[in-house]
Protein backbone atom coordinates (compact mmCIF):
# COMPACT_ATOMS: atom_id res chain seq x y z
CA VAL A 1 96.91 97.76 86.45
CA ASN A 2 93.33 97.26 87.70
CA GLU A 3 92.68 94.01 85.83
CA GLN A 4 91.02 91.39 88.02
CA ASP A 5 91.70 87.65 88.03
CA ASN A 6 88.99 84.97 88.25
CA GLN A 7 88.67 85.63 92.00
CA GLY A 8 88.31 89.37 91.45
CA ASN A 9 91.74 90.18 92.84
CA THR A 10 93.99 92.82 91.34
CA MET A 11 97.74 93.15 91.67
CA LEU A 12 97.05 95.53 94.56
CA HIS A 13 95.06 92.84 96.38
CA TYR A 14 98.02 90.46 96.16
CA ALA A 15 100.57 93.08 97.18
CA ALA A 16 98.44 93.95 100.22
CA TRP A 17 97.90 90.28 101.13
CA TYR A 18 101.63 89.52 101.03
CA GLY A 19 102.74 92.77 102.66
CA HIS A 20 104.72 94.23 99.75
CA LEU A 21 104.70 97.90 100.73
CA LYS A 22 107.01 99.08 97.92
CA THR A 23 104.83 97.32 95.36
CA ILE A 24 101.69 98.89 96.82
CA LYS A 25 103.21 102.36 96.54
CA MET A 26 104.29 101.72 92.95
CA LEU A 27 100.89 100.34 91.94
CA LEU A 28 99.10 103.32 93.50
CA LYS A 29 101.37 105.71 91.56
CA LEU A 30 100.49 103.79 88.38
CA GLY A 31 96.78 104.32 89.03
CA ALA A 32 95.74 101.19 90.92
CA LEU A 33 92.37 101.68 92.56
CA PRO A 34 92.38 100.76 96.25
CA ASP A 35 88.61 100.34 96.46
CA ILE A 36 88.11 97.45 94.01
CA VAL A 37 86.21 94.62 95.69
CA ASN A 38 87.02 90.97 94.97
CA ARG A 39 84.47 88.12 94.83
CA GLU A 40 84.67 87.73 98.62
CA GLY A 41 83.74 91.39 99.04
CA ARG A 42 87.22 92.43 100.17
CA THR A 43 89.35 95.35 99.11
CA PRO A 44 93.15 95.47 99.32
CA LEU A 45 92.69 97.41 102.57
CA HIS A 46 90.72 94.51 104.08
CA LEU A 47 93.41 92.02 103.05
CA ALA A 48 96.25 94.08 104.51
CA TYR A 49 94.38 94.44 107.80
CA SER A 50 93.41 90.77 108.03
CA ASN A 51 97.06 89.74 107.63
CA SER A 52 98.29 92.30 110.20
CA GLU A 53 100.22 94.19 107.52
CA MET A 54 99.83 97.50 109.33
CA GLU A 55 102.30 99.53 107.22
CA CYS A 56 100.46 98.41 104.10
CA HIS A 57 97.13 99.11 105.77
CA ALA A 58 98.23 102.65 106.65
CA CYS A 59 99.48 103.26 103.10
CA LEU A 60 96.17 102.13 101.62
CA LEU A 61 94.21 104.28 104.09
CA GLU A 62 96.09 107.33 102.79
CA ALA A 63 95.34 106.46 99.14
């Protein structure tokens, strides 16, 4: 669940970027790490915030 693509993004990065709150919750339950940094130096938390996905941002802050 923490495998990174060639840009360093995990499934959690993409879920945060696209605002998929249910997916974020599921991935966290499955052991996704919210502090993995991609090649741009961004975590899923950064991506949720930069796209104004505040519910996702709050969920990741609690993780």
